[in-house]
Amino acid sequence: MSVQRARYKWLMGFGVVCVLSVAVAAAGAAQMGKVGVVDIQQVLNQSQRGIGFKQKLEQERTSRQRELDAKQQELTTLQAEFEKQAPLLSEAAKREKQEALQRRVRDARRMVEDVNRDFEKKVRDAEAEVTREILVVVQELGKDQGYAMIMERSTLLFAGQAVDITPEVVKRYDGKQK
């Protein structure tokens, strides 16, 4: 009988704990308020400013690529001239021209590395600036519409479509840029 009584007390205690847990969770949810989720990358891809930013960077990349292609063509021409002249040159002249060509190739490689590094930095800086602007819009939206919390989608394992405020953020961000 005492084993049954112990089981009964344990089940009653467990039941009380479950009821209290549900009550606490419900009270917390009621106090918490509205929750929203925003996909910053989607705002970057769909907003007018984000699209303009990407187009501007693409134009700059294309321009830099043209410069690099011209440099590559110049090196190819110099290599062809060297190969054509090589049989006619003395060993000293041949070595001198070959070293000069190798220096130009090294310089061109450094130039490509510098251009790529500069471009990547420019992309990172521009993305950071636009992201800061988007975060200001998200904060304003949160305050205006009484959100208790707005989270970034990429940090979540799951969020239902009902809490996604990305389209509203895109709309507000585009409206703010005009």
C-alpha atoms as a PDB file:
ATOM      1  CA  MET A   1       0.000   0.000   0.000  1.00  0.00           C
ATOM      2  CA  SER A   2       2.796   2.430   0.740  1.00  0.00           C
ATOM      3  CA  VAL A   3       4.280   1.853  -2.774  1.00  0.00           C
ATOM      4  CA  GLN A   4       0.923   2.778  -4.313  1.00  0.00           C
ATOM      5  CA  ARG A   5       0.654   5.813  -2.086  1.00  0.00           C
ATOM      6  CA  ALA A   6       4.178   6.928  -3.137  1.00  0.00           C
ATOM      7  CA  ARG A   7       3.281   6.474  -6.814  1.00  0.00           C
ATOM      8  CA  TYR A   8       0.071   8.441  -6.296  1.00  0.00           C
ATOM      9  CA  LYS A   9       1.936  11.305  -4.604  1.00  0.00           C
ATOM     10  CA  TRP A  10       4.573  11.281  -7.353  1.00  0.00           C
ATOM     11  CA  LEU A  11       1.919  11.379 -10.114  1.00  0.00           C
ATOM     12  CA  MET A  12       0.043  14.191  -8.356  1.00  0.00           C
ATOM     13  CA  GLY A  13       3.261  16.161  -7.929  1.00  0.00           C
ATOM     14  CA  PHE A  14       4.152  15.612 -11.575  1.00  0.00           C
ATOM     15  CA  GLY A  15       0.668  16.722 -12.628  1.00  0.00           C
ATOM     16  CA  VAL A  16       0.915  19.900 -10.570  1.00  0.00           C
ATOM     17  CA  VAL A  17       4.347  20.667 -12.088  1.00  0.00           C
ATOM     18  CA  CYS A  18       2.954  20.167 -15.614  1.00  0.00           C
ATOM     19  CA  VAL A  19      -0.027  22.431 -14.970  1.00  0.00           C
ATOM     20  CA  LEU A  20       2.217  25.119 -13.478  1.00  0.00           C
ATOM     21  CA  SER A  21       4.643  24.855 -16.414  1.00  0.00           C
ATOM     22  CA  VAL A  22       1.849  25.363 -18.928  1.00  0.00           C
ATOM     23  CA  ALA A  23       0.515  28.314 -16.923  1.00  0.00           C
ATOM     24  CA  VAL A  24       3.952  29.952 -16.720  1.00  0.00           C
ATOM     25  CA  ALA A  25       4.528  29.435 -20.459  1.00  0.00           C
ATOM     26  CA  ALA A  26       1.138  30.924 -21.309  1.00  0.00           C
ATOM     27  CA  ALA A  27       1.754  33.926 -19.047  1.00  0.00           C
ATOM     28  CA  GLY A  28       5.194  34.450 -20.580  1.00  0.00           C
ATOM     29  CA  ALA A  29       3.771  34.305 -24.096  1.00  0.00           C
ATOM     30  CA  ALA A  30       1.069  36.809 -23.168  1.00  0.00           C
ATOM     31  CA  GLN A  31       3.654  39.213 -21.740  1.00  0.00           C
ATOM     32  CA  MET A  32       6.070  38.705 -24.601  1.00  0.00           C
ATOM     33  CA  GLY A  33       3.922  40.292 -27.282  1.00  0.00           C
ATOM     34  CA  LYS A  34       4.416  40.143 -31.027  1.00  0.00           C
ATOM     35  CA  VAL A  35       7.418  38.386 -32.505  1.00  0.00           C
ATOM     36  CA  GLY A  36       8.715  39.003 -36.015  1.00  0.00           C
ATOM     37  CA  VAL A  37      11.310  37.451 -38.274  1.00  0.00           C
ATOM     38  CA  VAL A  38      13.175  39.263 -41.048  1.00  0.00           C
ATOM     39  CA  ASP A  39      15.495  37.889 -43.726  1.00  0.00           C
ATOM     40  CA  ILE A  40      18.142  40.600 -44.185  1.00  0.00           C
ATOM     41  CA  GLN A  41      19.613  38.907 -47.272  1.00  0.00           C
ATOM     42  CA  GLN A  42      16.174  38.872 -48.900  1.00  0.00           C
ATOM     43  CA  VAL A  43      15.767  42.586 -48.128  1.00  0.00           C
ATOM     44  CA  LEU A  44      19.140  43.207 -49.799  1.00  0.00           C
ATOM     45  CA  ASN A  45      18.037  41.209 -52.864  1.00  0.00           C
ATOM     46  CA  GLN A  46      14.533  42.676 -53.212  1.00  0.00           C
ATOM     47  CA  SER A  47      14.825  46.318 -52.135  1.00  0.00           C
ATOM     48  CA  GLN A  48      15.476  49.031 -54.713  1.00  0.00           C
ATOM     49  CA  ARG A  49      18.594  50.188 -52.874  1.00  0.00           C
ATOM     50  CA  GLY A  50      19.905  46.618 -52.602  1.00  0.00           C
ATOM     51  CA  ILE A  51      19.295  46.015 -56.311  1.00  0.00           C
ATOM     52  CA  GLY A  52      20.966  49.348 -57.167  1.00  0.00           C
ATOM     53  CA  PHE A  53      23.905  48.498 -54.936  1.00  0.00           C
ATOM     54  CA  LYS A  54      24.389  45.161 -56.693  1.00  0.00           C
ATOM     55  CA  GLN A  55      24.091  46.752 -60.157  1.00  0.00           C
ATOM     56  CA  LYS A  56      26.667  49.411 -59.263  1.00  0.00           C
ATOM     57  CA  LEU A  57      29.079  46.778 -57.984  1.00  0.00           C
ATOM     58  CA  GLU A  58      28.522  44.653 -61.091  1.00  0.00           C
ATOM     59  CA  GLN A  59      29.337  47.638 -63.332  1.00  0.00           C
ATOM     60  CA  GLU A  60      32.498  48.300 -61.368  1.00  0.00           C
ATOM     61  CA  ARG A  61      33.481  44.624 -61.516  1.00  0.00           C
ATOM     62  CA  THR A  62      32.941  44.618 -65.290  1.00  0.00           C
ATOM     63  CA  SER A  63      35.048  47.760 -65.672  1.00  0.00           C
ATOM     64  CA  ARG A  64      37.881  46.308 -63.605  1.00  0.00           C
ATOM     65  CA  GLN A  65      37.656  43.047 -65.523  1.00  0.00           C
ATOM     66  CA  ARG A  66      38.083  44.960 -68.794  1.00  0.00           C
ATOM     67  CA  GLU A  67      41.252  46.566 -67.410  1.00  0.00           C
ATOM     68  CA  LEU A  68      42.588  43.184 -66.335  1.00  0.00           C
ATOM     69  CA  ASP A  69      41.734  41.647 -69.714  1.00  0.00           C
ATOM     70  CA  ALA A  70      43.607  44.481 -71.478  1.00  0.00           C
ATOM     71  CA  LYS A  71      46.641  43.846 -69.258  1.00  0.00           C
ATOM     72  CA  GLN A  72      46.435  40.114 -70.032  1.00  0.00           C
ATOM     73  CA  GLN A  73      46.248  40.835 -73.761  1.00  0.00           C
ATOM     74  CA  GLU A  74      49.281  43.111 -73.500  1.00  0.00           C
ATOM     75  CA  LEU A  75      51.267  40.339 -71.763  1.00  0.00           C
ATOM     76  CA  THR A  76      50.190  37.807 -74.377  1.00  0.00           C
ATOM     77  CA  THR A  77      51.375  40.150 -77.145  1.00  0.00           C
ATOM     78  CA  LEU A  78      54.716  40.704 -75.404  1.00  0.00           C
ATOM     79  CA  GLN A  79      55.147  36.935 -74.951  1.00  0.00           C
ATOM     80  CA  ALA A  80      54.434  36.356 -78.659  1.00  0.00           C
ATOM     81  CA  GLU A  81      56.924  39.087 -79.664  1.00  0.00           C
ATOM     82  CA  PHE A  82      59.558  37.577 -77.391  1.00  0.00           C
ATOM     83  CA  GLU A  83      59.047  34.113 -78.864  1.00  0.00           C
ATOM     84  CA  LYS A  84      59.314  35.543 -82.377  1.00  0.00           C
ATOM     85  CA  GLN A  85      62.501  37.495 -81.572  1.00  0.00           C
ATOM     86  CA  ALA A  86      64.150  34.859 -79.336  1.00  0.00           C
ATOM     87  CA  PRO A  87      65.981  32.947 -82.123  1.00  0.00           C
ATOM     88  CA  LEU A  88      67.538  36.188 -83.361  1.00  0.00           C
ATOM     89  CA  LEU A  89      68.718  37.457 -79.953  1.00  0.00           C
ATOM     90  CA  SER A  90      71.969  36.757 -78.167  1.00  0.00           C
ATOM     91  CA  GLU A  91      71.774  34.759 -74.944  1.00  0.00           C
ATOM     92  CA  ALA A  92      72.303  37.906 -72.851  1.00  0.00           C
ATOM     93  CA  ALA A  93      69.596  39.846 -74.713  1.00  0.00           C
ATOM     94  CA  LYS A  94      67.275  36.851 -74.562  1.00  0.00           C
ATOM     95  CA  ARG A  95      67.782  36.491 -70.794  1.00  0.00           C
ATOM     96  CA  GLU A  96      67.277  40.241 -70.288  1.00  0.00           C
ATOM     97  CA  LYS A  97      64.019  40.283 -72.283  1.00  0.00           C
ATOM     98  CA  GLN A  98      62.777  37.149 -70.533  1.00  0.00           C
ATOM     99  CA  GLU A  99      63.459  38.667 -67.100  1.00  0.00           C
ATOM    100  CA  ALA A 100      61.684  41.871 -68.121  1.00  0.00           C
ATOM    101  CA  LEU A 101      58.703  39.822 -69.293  1.00  0.00           C
ATOM    102  CA  GLN A 102      58.656  37.846 -66.034  1.00  0.00           C
ATOM    103  CA  ARG A 103      58.716  41.095 -64.022  1.00  0.00           C
ATOM    104  CA  ARG A 104      55.729  42.366 -65.984  1.00  0.00           C
ATOM    105  CA  VAL A 105      53.886  39.082 -65.385  1.00  0.00           C
ATOM    106  CA  ARG A 106      54.617  39.340 -61.632  1.00  0.00           C
ATOM    107  CA  ASP A 107      53.447  42.955 -61.617  1.00  0.00           C
ATOM    108  CA  ALA A 108      50.265  41.957 -63.420  1.00  0.00           C
ATOM    109  CA  ARG A 109      49.585  39.191 -60.867  1.00  0.00           C
ATOM    110  CA  ARG A 110      50.063  41.654 -58.013  1.00  0.00           C
ATOM    111  CA  MET A 111      47.752  44.079 -59.759  1.00  0.00           C
ATOM    112  CA  VAL A 112      45.066  41.379 -60.071  1.00  0.00           C
ATOM    113  CA  GLU A 113      45.434  40.502 -56.381  1.00  0.00           C
ATOM    114  CA  ASP A 114      45.244  44.169 -55.379  1.00  0.00           C
ATOM    115  CA  VAL A 115      42.201  44.807 -57.569  1.00  0.00           C
ATOM    116  CA  ASN A 116      40.416  41.736 -56.194  1.00  0.00           C
ATOM    117  CA  ARG A 117      41.271  42.615 -52.587  1.00  0.00           C
ATOM    118  CA  ASP A 118      40.099  46.226 -53.064  1.00  0.00           C
ATOM    119  CA  PHE A 119      36.896  45.108 -54.736  1.00  0.00           C
ATOM    120  CA  GLU A 120      36.106  42.585 -51.999  1.00  0.00           C
ATOM    121  CA  LYS A 121      36.652  45.276 -49.353  1.00  0.00           C
ATOM    122  CA  LYS A 122      34.379  47.648 -51.243  1.00  0.00           C
ATOM    123  CA  VAL A 123      31.664  44.957 -51.403  1.00  0.00           C
ATOM    124  CA  ARG A 124      31.973  44.225 -47.661  1.00  0.00           C
ATOM    125  CA  ASP A 125      31.858  47.930 -46.770  1.00  0.00           C
ATOM    126  CA  ALA A 126      28.822  48.573 -48.982  1.00  0.00           C
ATOM    127  CA  GLU A 127      26.974  45.519 -47.604  1.00  0.00           C
ATOM    128  CA  ALA A 128      27.717  46.639 -44.049  1.00  0.00           C
ATOM    129  CA  GLU A 129      26.391  50.142 -44.774  1.00  0.00           C
ATOM    130  CA  VAL A 130      23.182  48.861 -46.382  1.00  0.00           C
ATOM    131  CA  THR A 131      22.704  46.322 -43.580  1.00  0.00           C
ATOM    132  CA  ARG A 132      23.013  49.099 -40.963  1.00  0.00           C
ATOM    133  CA  GLU A 133      20.348  51.071 -42.837  1.00  0.00           C
ATOM    134  CA  ILE A 134      18.080  48.015 -42.922  1.00  0.00           C
ATOM    135  CA  LEU A 135      18.550  47.418 -39.193  1.00  0.00           C
ATOM    136  CA  VAL A 136      17.429  51.004 -38.484  1.00  0.00           C
ATOM    137  CA  VAL A 137      14.275  50.342 -40.540  1.00  0.00           C
ATOM    138  CA  VAL A 138      13.677  47.075 -38.642  1.00  0.00           C
ATOM    139  CA  GLN A 139      14.030  48.853 -35.291  1.00  0.00           C
ATOM    140  CA  GLU A 140      11.634  51.608 -36.352  1.00  0.00           C
ATOM    141  CA  LEU A 141       9.127  49.017 -37.592  1.00  0.00           C
ATOM    142  CA  GLY A 142       9.415  47.132 -34.309  1.00  0.00           C
ATOM    143  CA  LYS A 143       8.733  50.246 -32.271  1.00  0.00           C
ATOM    144  CA  ASP A 144       5.908  51.481 -34.527  1.00  0.00           C
ATOM    145  CA  GLN A 145       4.038  48.183 -34.584  1.00  0.00           C
ATOM    146  CA  GLY A 146       4.686  47.101 -31.001  1.00  0.00           C
ATOM    147  CA  TYR A 147       6.938  44.109 -31.587  1.00  0.00           C
ATOM    148  CA  ALA A 148       8.518  42.644 -28.484  1.00  0.00           C
ATOM    149  CA  MET A 149      11.194  40.943 -30.556  1.00  0.00           C
ATOM    150  CA  ILE A 150      12.361  40.770 -34.166  1.00  0.00           C
ATOM    151  CA  MET A 151      14.939  38.143 -35.102  1.00  0.00           C
ATOM    152  CA  GLU A 152      17.033  37.494 -38.196  1.00  0.00           C
ATOM    153  CA  ARG A 153      15.873  34.402 -40.102  1.00  0.00           C
ATOM    154  CA  SER A 154      19.359  32.964 -40.673  1.00  0.00           C
ATOM    155  CA  THR A 155      19.838  32.517 -36.918  1.00  0.00           C
ATOM    156  CA  LEU A 156      16.651  30.480 -36.461  1.00  0.00           C
ATOM    157  CA  LEU A 157      16.008  26.814 -36.936  1.00  0.00           C
ATOM    158  CA  PHE A 158      12.343  27.383 -37.716  1.00  0.00           C
ATOM    159  CA  ALA A 159       9.948  30.297 -37.997  1.00  0.00           C
ATOM    160  CA  GLY A 160       6.456  30.136 -39.415  1.00  0.00           C
ATOM    161  CA  GLN A 161       5.471  32.303 -42.346  1.00  0.00           C
ATOM    162  CA  ALA A 162       2.992  34.174 -40.146  1.00  0.00           C
ATOM    163  CA  VAL A 163       5.816  35.937 -38.269  1.00  0.00           C
ATOM    164  CA  ASP A 164       7.825  36.875 -41.401  1.00  0.00           C
ATOM    165  CA  ILE A 165       7.910  40.667 -41.748  1.00  0.00           C
ATOM    166  CA  THR A 166      10.489  40.780 -44.560  1.00  0.00           C
ATOM    167  CA  PRO A 167       8.056  42.171 -47.197  1.00  0.00           C
ATOM    168  CA  GLU A 168       7.083  45.003 -44.833  1.00  0.00           C
ATOM    169  CA  VAL A 169      10.761  45.791 -44.189  1.00  0.00           C
ATOM    170  CA  VAL A 170      11.454  45.891 -47.957  1.00  0.00           C
ATOM    171  CA  LYS A 171       8.475  48.228 -48.445  1.00  0.00           C
ATOM    172  CA  ARG A 172       9.560  50.562 -45.618  1.00  0.00           C
ATOM    173  CA  TYR A 173      13.209  50.532 -46.701  1.00  0.00           C
ATOM    174  CA  ASP A 174      12.275  51.418 -50.286  1.00  0.00           C
ATOM    175  CA  GLY A 175       9.937  54.156 -49.021  1.00  0.00           C
ATOM    176  CA  LYS A 176      12.678  55.602 -46.847  1.00  0.00           C
ATOM    177  CA  GLN A 177      15.117  55.870 -49.761  1.00  0.00           C
ATOM    178  CA  LYS A 178      12.841  58.124 -51.842  1.00  0.00           C
END
